[in-house]
Protein backbone atom coordinates (compact mmCIF):
# COMPACT_ATOMS: atom_id res chain seq x y z
CA GLY A 1 46.71 -97.82 92.05
CA GLU A 2 47.99 -94.31 91.91
CA PRO A 3 48.95 -92.94 88.52
CA ARG A 4 52.57 -92.03 88.22
CA GLN A 5 54.14 -89.46 85.97
CA GLU A 6 57.61 -89.56 84.50
CA VAL A 7 59.00 -86.50 82.79
CA ALA A 8 61.63 -86.80 80.13
CA ALA A 9 63.10 -83.88 78.20
CA GLY A 10 60.39 -82.49 75.93
CA SER A 11 57.67 -85.05 76.77
CA ALA A 12 55.86 -86.70 79.61
CA THR A 13 54.48 -90.18 80.16
CA THR A 14 51.77 -91.18 82.49
CA GLY A 15 51.08 -94.63 83.70
CA ASP A 16 49.38 -96.70 86.36
CA ASP A 17 50.20 -99.86 88.34
CA ARG A 18 49.02 -102.08 85.54
CA GLY A 19 51.73 -100.95 83.12
CA GLY A 20 49.61 -98.79 80.79
CA THR A 21 51.29 -95.63 79.55
CA ALA A 22 50.37 -92.69 77.36
CA SER A 23 52.73 -90.17 75.93
CA VAL A 24 51.81 -86.49 76.17
CA GLN A 25 53.69 -84.20 73.80
CA PRO A 26 54.15 -80.49 74.55
CA PRO A 27 52.26 -78.05 72.34
CA THR A 28 54.06 -77.18 69.14
CA ARG A 29 54.23 -73.91 67.21
CA ALA A 30 52.16 -75.45 64.43
CA GLY A 31 49.00 -74.17 66.13
CA ALA A 32 50.38 -70.65 66.25
CA GLU A 33 51.42 -70.84 62.61
CA THR A 34 47.94 -72.01 61.66
CA THR A 35 46.43 -69.02 63.48
CA VAL A 36 48.80 -66.61 61.71
CA GLY A 37 48.01 -68.25 58.39
CA ALA A 38 44.26 -68.05 59.03
CA THR A 39 44.55 -64.38 60.01
CA SER A 40 46.55 -63.67 56.88
CA THR A 41 43.96 -65.49 54.79
CA ARG A 42 41.11 -63.55 56.44
CA ALA A 43 42.92 -60.27 55.80
CA SER A 44 43.59 -61.16 52.18
CA THR A 45 39.98 -62.23 51.71
CA ALA A 46 38.68 -58.98 53.25
CA LEU A 47 40.98 -56.98 50.98
CA ALA A 48 39.83 -58.98 47.95
CA HIS A 49 36.19 -58.23 48.85
CA ALA A 50 36.99 -54.51 49.16
CA ASP A 51 38.81 -54.62 45.81
CA LYS A 52 35.83 -56.35 44.19
CA TYR A 53 33.43 -53.78 45.60
CA ARG A 54 35.65 -50.99 44.26
CA ASP A 55 35.68 -52.59 40.81
CA GLU A 56 31.91 -53.07 40.77
CA HIS A 57 30.95 -49.72 42.37
CA GLY A 58 33.46 -47.30 40.93
CA ASP A 59 31.54 -44.18 41.88
CA ASP A 60 30.52 -45.20 45.41
CA TYR A 61 33.51 -43.64 47.14
CA ARG A 62 31.89 -43.72 50.58
CA GLY A 63 31.14 -47.46 50.32
CA GLN A 64 34.64 -48.21 49.05
CA ILE A 65 36.29 -46.29 51.88
CA GLU A 66 34.11 -48.03 54.48
CA ARG A 67 35.20 -51.44 53.22
CA TYR A 68 38.90 -50.61 53.06
CA GLU A 69 38.82 -48.91 56.47
CA ALA A 70 37.24 -52.07 57.92
CA VAL A 71 40.26 -54.02 56.62
CA VAL A 72 42.60 -51.46 58.19
CA ASN A 73 40.78 -51.61 61.53
CA GLN A 74 40.50 -55.40 61.66
CA HIS A 75 44.06 -56.15 60.56
CA GLN A 76 46.07 -53.27 62.03
CA GLY A 77 49.80 -53.45 61.53
CA SER A 78 49.62 -55.99 58.70
CA VAL A 79 50.82 -55.62 55.14
CA THR A 80 47.19 -56.05 54.08
CA ALA A 81 46.12 -53.13 56.29
CA ALA A 82 48.82 -50.97 54.71
CA LYS A 83 47.52 -51.87 51.24
CA ALA A 84 43.98 -51.03 52.33
CA GLN A 85 45.16 -47.69 53.76
CA ASP A 86 46.84 -46.88 50.43
CA ALA A 87 43.57 -47.69 48.65
CA VAL A 88 41.70 -45.29 50.98
CA LYS A 89 44.15 -42.49 50.09
CA GLN A 90 43.71 -43.18 46.36
CA ILE A 91 39.92 -43.22 46.63
CA ARG A 92 39.85 -39.96 48.60
CA GLY A 93 42.07 -38.39 45.94
CA LYS A 94 39.75 -39.53 43.14
CA TRP A 95 36.71 -38.38 45.12
CA ASP A 96 38.26 -34.92 45.54
CA THR A 97 39.24 -34.74 41.85
CA ASP A 98 35.74 -35.69 40.70
CA ALA A 99 34.11 -33.34 43.21
CA GLU A 100 36.32 -30.41 42.14
CA ARG A 101 35.39 -31.02 38.50
CA GLU A 102 31.66 -31.11 39.31
CA LEU A 103 31.92 -28.09 41.59
CA GLY A 104 33.58 -26.21 38.71
CA LYS A 105 30.55 -26.99 36.55
CA VAL A 106 28.23 -25.75 39.28
CA ARG A 107 30.26 -22.53 39.69
CA ALA A 108 30.20 -21.88 35.92
CA ALA A 109 26.42 -22.36 35.76
CA VAL A 110 25.88 -20.17 38.82
CA ASP A 111 28.14 -17.40 37.51
CA ALA A 112 26.35 -17.40 34.14
CA ALA A 113 22.94 -17.29 35.80
CA ILE A 114 23.94 -14.47 38.16
CA ALA A 115 25.43 -12.49 35.26
CA ASN A 116 22.03 -12.73 33.56
CA LYS A 117 20.24 -11.90 36.82
CA LYS A 118 18.56 -15.31 36.88
CA PHE A 119 18.95 -16.02 40.56
CA GLY A 120 16.44 -18.87 40.63
CA GLU A 121 18.51 -20.68 37.98
CA ALA A 122 21.64 -20.00 40.01
CA MET A 123 20.11 -21.62 43.08
CA THR A 124 18.91 -24.58 41.00
CA ALA A 125 22.43 -25.03 39.63
CA CYS A 126 23.71 -25.45 43.20
CA GLY A 127 21.41 -28.43 43.57
CA ARG A 128 23.03 -30.13 40.58
CA PHE A 129 26.13 -31.11 42.53
CA PRO A 130 25.97 -34.95 42.47
CA VAL A 131 24.71 -36.60 45.63
CA LYS A 132 27.29 -39.40 45.29
CA LEU A 133 30.08 -36.83 45.75
CA ARG A 134 28.57 -35.11 48.76
CA ASN A 135 30.24 -35.19 52.13
CA ASP A 136 30.80 -32.52 54.77
CA ARG A 137 33.60 -30.85 52.81
CA TRP A 138 31.78 -30.69 49.50
CA ASN A 139 28.43 -29.79 51.05
CA ALA A 140 30.16 -26.81 52.66
CA ALA A 141 31.61 -25.77 49.28
CA VAL A 142 28.19 -25.97 47.62
CA GLU A 143 26.62 -24.02 50.50
CA GLN A 144 29.26 -21.32 50.09
CA ILE A 145 28.30 -20.96 46.42
CA ARG A 146 24.60 -20.97 47.37
CA GLY A 147 25.32 -18.21 49.90
CA GLY A 148 26.97 -16.18 47.14
CA CYS A 149 23.81 -16.60 45.04
CA SER A 150 21.65 -15.36 47.90
CA ASP A 151 23.93 -12.39 48.53
CA ALA A 152 23.91 -11.40 44.84
CA ALA A 153 20.12 -11.69 44.70
CA ARG A 154 19.72 -9.60 47.86
CA ARG A 155 22.01 -6.89 46.50
CA GLU A 156 20.09 -6.78 43.21
CA PHE A 157 16.68 -6.72 44.91
CA HIS A 158 17.87 -3.97 47.25
CA ALA A 159 19.08 -1.89 44.30
CA ILE A 160 15.76 -2.37 42.50
CA ARG A 161 13.77 -1.55 45.63
CA THR A 162 15.76 1.68 45.99
CA GLN A 163 15.19 2.55 42.32
CA VAL A 164 11.46 1.73 42.52
CA ALA A 165 11.07 3.90 45.62
CA SER A 166 12.90 6.76 43.94
CA LEU A 167 10.86 6.47 40.73
CA ALA A 168 7.58 6.24 42.67
CA ALA A 169 8.52 9.31 44.72
CA LYS A 170 9.01 11.24 41.46
CA GLY A 171 5.64 10.06 40.17
CA GLN A 172 7.20 7.83 37.52
CA LEU A 173 4.93 4.90 38.26
CA ASP A 174 5.19 3.21 34.86
CA GLU A 175 8.98 3.12 35.18
CA ALA A 176 8.68 1.83 38.77
CA LYS A 177 6.35 -0.96 37.59
CA ALA A 178 8.81 -1.88 34.82
CA LYS A 179 11.59 -2.20 37.40
CA LEU A 180 9.40 -4.41 39.57
CA LYS A 181 8.65 -6.56 36.54
CA LEU A 182 12.42 -7.04 36.05
CA ALA A 183 12.71 -8.24 39.63
CA SER A 184 9.91 -10.78 39.13
CA ALA A 185 11.90 -12.31 36.29
CA PHE A 186 14.82 -13.05 38.61
CA GLY A 187 13.27 -16.38 39.57
């Protein structure tokens, strides 16, 4: 026979001519709550992994930020995403603080070398800025210092070249050679 369907408030029964029935219940919110709970658990787990990475790799700011930003991107609008975003801000602040400190050391070494007309040492000091702190912003700051080294060296070489030419024109060749020898010590 033909199956028949009876609908009562909140449920349905189906049956056939032989008297068999099955009750079909409407979907409940339990499934939705399970999904929300699973999402929350995934977000918390992702945040815990980012936290662990931060604890174990304290000076890998780039890697830390990548992990926290992944949490932010994957769980937008959640409390967990907000916590991850706060962590990103803290890490960037620490990165900037550490980079400023190291850049100060580079500047001091460069200034001392330039004051002693040791331009090769000044350029080498620029290369001492730690790779782990490099990004576009800090690379630009180091390059600005490096440019200052180059400018100072050019000015000094130009002054010596002018002096050497003047001394040579006057026939003071020994003095001109001595000036050239000074320039060779610049590095």
